[in-house]
Protein backbone atom coordinates (compact mmCIF):
# COMPACT_ATOMS: atom_id res chain seq x y z
CA MET A 1 -10.92 7.89 -19.65
CA ARG A 2 -12.33 8.10 -16.15
CA PRO A 3 -9.78 9.33 -13.59
CA LEU A 4 -7.97 6.96 -11.27
CA LEU A 5 -8.97 7.65 -7.68
CA ILE A 6 -6.23 8.14 -5.10
CA ALA A 7 -7.92 7.62 -1.75
CA LYS A 8 -5.63 9.60 0.54
CA THR A 9 -5.76 8.29 4.09
CA GLY A 10 -3.41 10.73 5.80
CA GLN A 11 -0.39 12.97 5.36
CA THR A 12 3.30 12.21 5.45
CA LEU A 13 5.82 13.60 7.93
CA GLU A 14 6.15 17.39 7.78
CA ASP A 15 9.84 17.33 6.90
CA CYS A 16 9.28 14.68 4.25
CA ALA A 17 6.43 16.68 2.71
CA ARG A 18 8.63 19.77 2.39
CA ARG A 19 11.34 17.88 0.52
CA CYS A 20 9.47 15.12 -1.31
CA GLY A 21 5.80 16.08 -1.55
CA ASP A 22 2.93 14.13 -0.03
CA PHE A 23 1.48 10.65 -0.57
CA GLU A 24 -0.48 11.50 -3.70
CA HIS A 25 2.57 13.02 -5.41
CA TRP A 26 4.57 9.83 -4.89
CA PHE A 27 1.82 7.72 -6.41
CA VAL A 28 1.28 9.97 -9.42
CA ARG A 29 5.01 9.76 -10.09
CA GLY A 30 5.16 5.99 -9.62
CA LEU A 31 2.08 5.32 -11.73
CA ALA A 32 3.57 7.54 -14.49
CA LEU A 33 0.31 9.49 -14.78
CA ASP A 34 -0.43 13.16 -15.29
CA ALA A 35 -2.15 15.01 -12.48
CA ALA A 36 -5.17 15.41 -14.75
CA GLU A 37 -5.54 11.62 -14.93
CA VAL A 38 -6.14 11.21 -11.20
CA GLN A 39 -8.70 12.35 -8.65
CA VAL A 40 -7.38 12.76 -5.12
CA VAL A 41 -9.84 12.49 -2.25
CA ASP A 42 -8.48 13.38 1.21
CA LEU A 43 -10.68 11.27 3.45
CA PRO A 44 -9.50 12.32 6.94
CA ARG A 45 -10.29 15.91 5.92
CA GLY A 46 -13.86 14.99 5.10
CA GLU A 47 -13.78 14.93 1.29
CA PRO A 48 -16.47 12.62 -0.11
CA LEU A 49 -15.85 9.47 -2.11
CA PRO A 50 -17.10 9.56 -5.72
CA PRO A 51 -19.60 7.08 -7.17
CA HIS A 52 -17.84 3.87 -8.12
CA ARG A 53 -18.55 4.19 -11.83
CA ALA A 54 -17.11 7.72 -11.91
CA VAL A 55 -13.54 6.38 -11.57
CA SER A 56 -11.47 3.82 -13.45
CA GLY A 57 -9.90 2.29 -10.34
CA VAL A 58 -8.56 3.19 -6.92
CA VAL A 59 -5.26 3.33 -5.05
CA ILE A 60 -5.54 3.53 -1.26
CA THR A 61 -2.49 5.19 0.31
CA GLY A 62 -0.60 4.54 3.48
CA SER A 63 -1.38 6.44 6.66
CA HIS A 64 -0.12 7.16 10.15
CA ALA A 65 -3.57 6.14 11.39
CA MET A 66 -4.38 2.59 12.49
CA VAL A 67 -7.09 0.48 10.90
CA THR A 68 -8.11 -0.88 14.30
CA ASP A 69 -9.05 2.64 15.43
CA ARG A 70 -12.11 2.32 13.14
CA ALA A 71 -12.23 6.03 12.32
CA PRO A 72 -15.53 6.96 10.62
CA TRP A 73 -13.82 8.04 7.38
CA SER A 74 -11.87 4.76 7.34
CA GLU A 75 -14.95 2.61 7.90
CA ALA A 76 -16.77 4.54 5.14
CA LEU A 77 -13.91 3.77 2.77
CA ALA A 78 -14.00 0.11 3.84
CA ASP A 79 -17.70 -0.06 2.96
CA TRP A 80 -16.99 1.61 -0.41
CA LEU A 81 -14.25 -0.95 -1.13
CA ALA A 82 -16.50 -3.85 -0.16
CA GLU A 83 -18.84 -2.71 -2.94
CA ALA A 84 -16.06 -1.95 -5.44
CA VAL A 85 -14.36 -5.35 -5.40
CA PRO A 86 -17.37 -7.44 -6.58
CA MET A 87 -17.89 -4.89 -9.36
CA GLY A 88 -14.46 -5.77 -10.76
CA MET A 89 -12.93 -2.35 -10.13
CA PRO A 90 -9.10 -2.38 -10.16
CA VAL A 91 -8.06 -1.80 -6.55
CA LEU A 92 -4.58 -1.39 -5.08
CA GLY A 93 -4.21 -0.91 -1.33
CA VAL A 94 -0.74 0.02 -0.05
CA CYS A 95 0.30 -0.42 3.61
CA TYR A 96 -2.71 1.09 5.44
CA GLY A 97 -4.65 0.56 2.22
CA HIS A 98 -3.58 -3.10 2.14
CA GLN A 99 -4.78 -3.57 5.71
CA LEU A 100 -8.01 -1.67 5.14
CA LEU A 101 -8.82 -3.75 2.04
CA ALA A 102 -8.35 -6.93 4.08
CA HIS A 103 -10.55 -5.53 6.86
CA ALA A 104 -13.22 -4.47 4.36
CA LEU A 105 -13.41 -7.99 2.94
CA GLY A 106 -13.54 -9.85 6.24
CA GLY A 107 -9.87 -10.29 7.12
CA GLU A 108 -8.28 -9.33 10.43
CA VAL A 109 -5.81 -6.52 11.18
CA ASP A 110 -3.82 -6.04 14.38
CA TYR A 111 -0.47 -4.87 15.70
CA HIS A 112 2.46 -7.05 14.64
CA PRO A 113 3.52 -8.99 17.76
CA ALA A 114 7.22 -8.33 17.06
CA GLY A 115 6.76 -4.59 16.56
CA PRO A 116 7.09 -2.43 13.45
CA GLU A 117 8.79 -3.59 10.28
CA VAL A 118 11.00 -0.74 9.08
CA GLY A 119 13.54 -0.31 6.30
CA THR A 120 14.36 -1.93 3.00
CA VAL A 121 13.31 -5.55 3.43
CA PRO A 122 13.42 -8.76 1.39
CA VAL A 123 10.14 -9.98 -0.09
CA ARG A 124 9.47 -13.39 -1.64
CA LEU A 125 6.68 -14.23 -4.03
CA THR A 126 4.56 -17.32 -3.48
CA PRO A 127 4.03 -19.82 -6.32
CA ALA A 128 0.56 -18.31 -6.86
CA ALA A 129 2.17 -14.99 -7.85
CA ARG A 130 3.73 -16.54 -10.94
CA SER A 131 0.37 -16.24 -12.70
CA ASP A 132 -0.81 -13.05 -11.00
CA PRO A 133 -1.56 -10.13 -13.35
CA LEU A 134 0.12 -7.59 -11.04
CA LEU A 135 3.15 -9.45 -9.70
CA ALA A 136 4.04 -12.11 -12.29
CA ARG A 137 6.76 -9.96 -13.91
CA LEU A 138 8.64 -9.46 -10.65
CA PRO A 139 11.55 -11.71 -9.68
CA GLU A 140 10.83 -14.42 -7.15
CA ALA A 141 12.80 -12.47 -4.52
CA PHE A 142 13.25 -8.69 -4.41
CA HIS A 143 13.67 -5.80 -1.98
CA ALA A 144 10.99 -3.31 -0.99
CA HIS A 145 10.59 -0.42 1.43
CA ALA A 146 8.41 -0.98 4.48
CA THR A 147 7.27 0.89 7.56
CA HIS A 148 4.24 -0.40 9.45
CA ALA A 149 3.15 -1.26 12.97
CA GLN A 150 -0.03 -3.14 12.06
CA SER A 151 -0.38 -6.12 9.74
CA VAL A 152 -2.97 -8.32 8.13
CA VAL A 153 -2.97 -11.19 10.62
CA ARG A 154 -5.70 -13.10 8.78
CA LEU A 155 -6.42 -12.83 5.06
CA PRO A 156 -10.00 -12.49 3.82
CA ALA A 157 -11.76 -15.70 2.84
CA GLY A 158 -10.84 -16.66 -0.70
CA ALA A 159 -7.83 -14.36 -0.87
CA VAL A 160 -4.80 -15.52 -2.86
CA HIS A 161 -1.60 -15.16 -0.84
CA LEU A 162 1.05 -13.62 -3.13
CA ALA A 163 4.11 -12.53 -1.11
CA GLY A 164 5.72 -12.38 2.32
CA ASN A 165 8.93 -12.66 4.29
CA ASP A 166 10.09 -14.17 7.57
CA TYR A 167 8.93 -11.12 9.56
CA GLU A 168 5.73 -10.27 7.69
CA PRO A 169 4.01 -13.26 6.05
CA HIS A 170 1.30 -11.22 4.33
CA HIS A 171 3.11 -8.71 2.12
CA ALA A 172 0.69 -9.13 -0.79
CA PHE A 173 -2.65 -10.73 -1.59
CA ARG A 174 -5.37 -10.61 -4.23
CA VAL A 175 -9.12 -10.98 -3.95
CA GLY A 176 -11.12 -11.65 -7.10
CA GLU A 177 -9.62 -10.64 -10.43
CA ARG A 178 -8.41 -7.08 -9.79
CA ALA A 179 -8.15 -6.20 -6.08
CA TRP A 180 -4.68 -6.27 -4.50
CA GLY A 181 -3.15 -5.33 -1.19
CA VAL A 182 0.61 -4.84 -0.76
CA GLN A 183 2.09 -4.16 2.67
CA PHE A 184 5.33 -2.80 1.21
CA HIS A 185 5.64 0.67 -0.32
CA PRO A 186 6.22 0.66 -4.10
CA GLU A 187 5.84 4.47 -4.11
CA PHE A 188 8.79 5.11 -1.73
CA ASP A 189 12.24 6.14 -2.90
CA THR A 190 15.40 5.99 -0.78
CA ASP A 191 15.04 9.58 0.45
CA ILE A 192 11.55 8.89 1.77
CA MET A 193 12.63 5.60 3.36
CA HIS A 194 15.64 7.21 5.04
CA THR A 195 13.36 9.86 6.55
CA TYR A 196 11.02 7.30 8.07
CA VAL A 197 13.92 5.25 9.45
CA GLN A 198 15.45 8.35 11.03
CA VAL A 199 12.17 9.36 12.66
CA ARG A 200 11.54 5.89 14.11
CA ALA A 201 15.14 5.68 15.35
CA ALA A 202 14.87 9.12 17.00
CA ARG A 203 11.76 7.97 18.84
CA CYS A 204 13.83 5.12 20.32
CA GLU A 205 11.32 2.60 19.03
CA ARG A 206 12.51 -0.94 19.75
CA PRO A 207 15.88 0.15 21.26
CA GLU A 208 17.16 -3.42 20.87
CA ARG A 209 17.27 -2.94 17.11
CA ASP A 210 20.39 -1.95 15.23
CA TRP A 211 19.05 1.27 13.72
CA ALA A 212 22.43 2.09 12.15
CA ALA A 213 22.29 -1.19 10.24
CA ILE A 214 18.70 -0.48 9.18
CA ARG A 215 19.74 2.95 7.87
CA ALA A 216 22.73 1.44 6.07
CA GLY A 217 20.46 -1.18 4.47
CA VAL A 218 18.22 1.32 2.69
CA ARG A 219 18.64 0.80 -1.05
CA ASP A 220 16.86 1.38 -4.35
CA THR A 221 13.89 -0.93 -4.97
CA PRO A 222 13.24 -0.86 -8.73
CA GLU A 223 11.49 -4.23 -8.77
CA ALA A 224 8.94 -3.18 -6.14
CA ALA A 225 8.37 0.10 -7.97
CA ARG A 226 7.24 -1.82 -11.06
CA VAL A 227 4.02 -2.69 -9.23
CA LEU A 228 2.63 0.81 -9.75
CA ARG A 229 3.18 0.97 -13.51
CA GLN A 230 1.78 -2.51 -13.91
CA PHE A 231 -1.30 -1.50 -11.94
CA ALA A 232 -1.71 1.58 -14.15
CA GLU A 233 -1.65 -0.73 -17.17
CA ILE A 234 -4.29 -2.98 -15.61
CA VAL A 235 -6.48 0.06 -15.00
CA ARG A 236 -6.09 1.20 -18.63
CA THR A 237 -7.14 -2.16 -20.04
CA ALA A 238 -9.77 -3.32 -17.51
CA GLU A 239 -13.38 -3.57 -18.58
CA TRP A 240 -15.81 -3.44 -15.72
């Protein structure tokens, strides 16, 4: 089997990396794959993308970068994704990856007008998700971890809207048969989420927010975590 590509778009917080590993480790764990079954490409460090047919699918990680900065490595990945989706490659973009996939396919990304969404948040599926290959097995309402300043403010043409909440309407979408973006973090556990909440609180971001309540609201998100194993199954069975 061809390896699954993990397109790494940054590094986690230094303290989080020491205790929990980095982005790629969280995804390998969540996908229930062996390290030998994945190929990690660290794009900000200049590592090249493989030919499309050399991989079985791609997961695009989160990042502390911003899609609107249009970094050269990010725009190169966007171009690569724009070619991958019509080929039928299984694609899963998470947080930054979700936004970059939308940007690559003609959607619009910008800062959320109400500021960052942080913590364990409620997510609701749309009726279209009931028949979606990735999300159909999830309950109609579930909790997921989130930390993002930018959002997909306009979905790509033809995208199927799959999930959202009152704060962030575009928590999930699909384009074509096998390309998904999810704004929430199915790869996070409570330790990782607590770390991000603590860092944002220490920076005094949005001082009007009740950061103690946000910290207290962090909880396990087993339903959201199912997304990764379901995507791994889609990759195993996809013919493209």
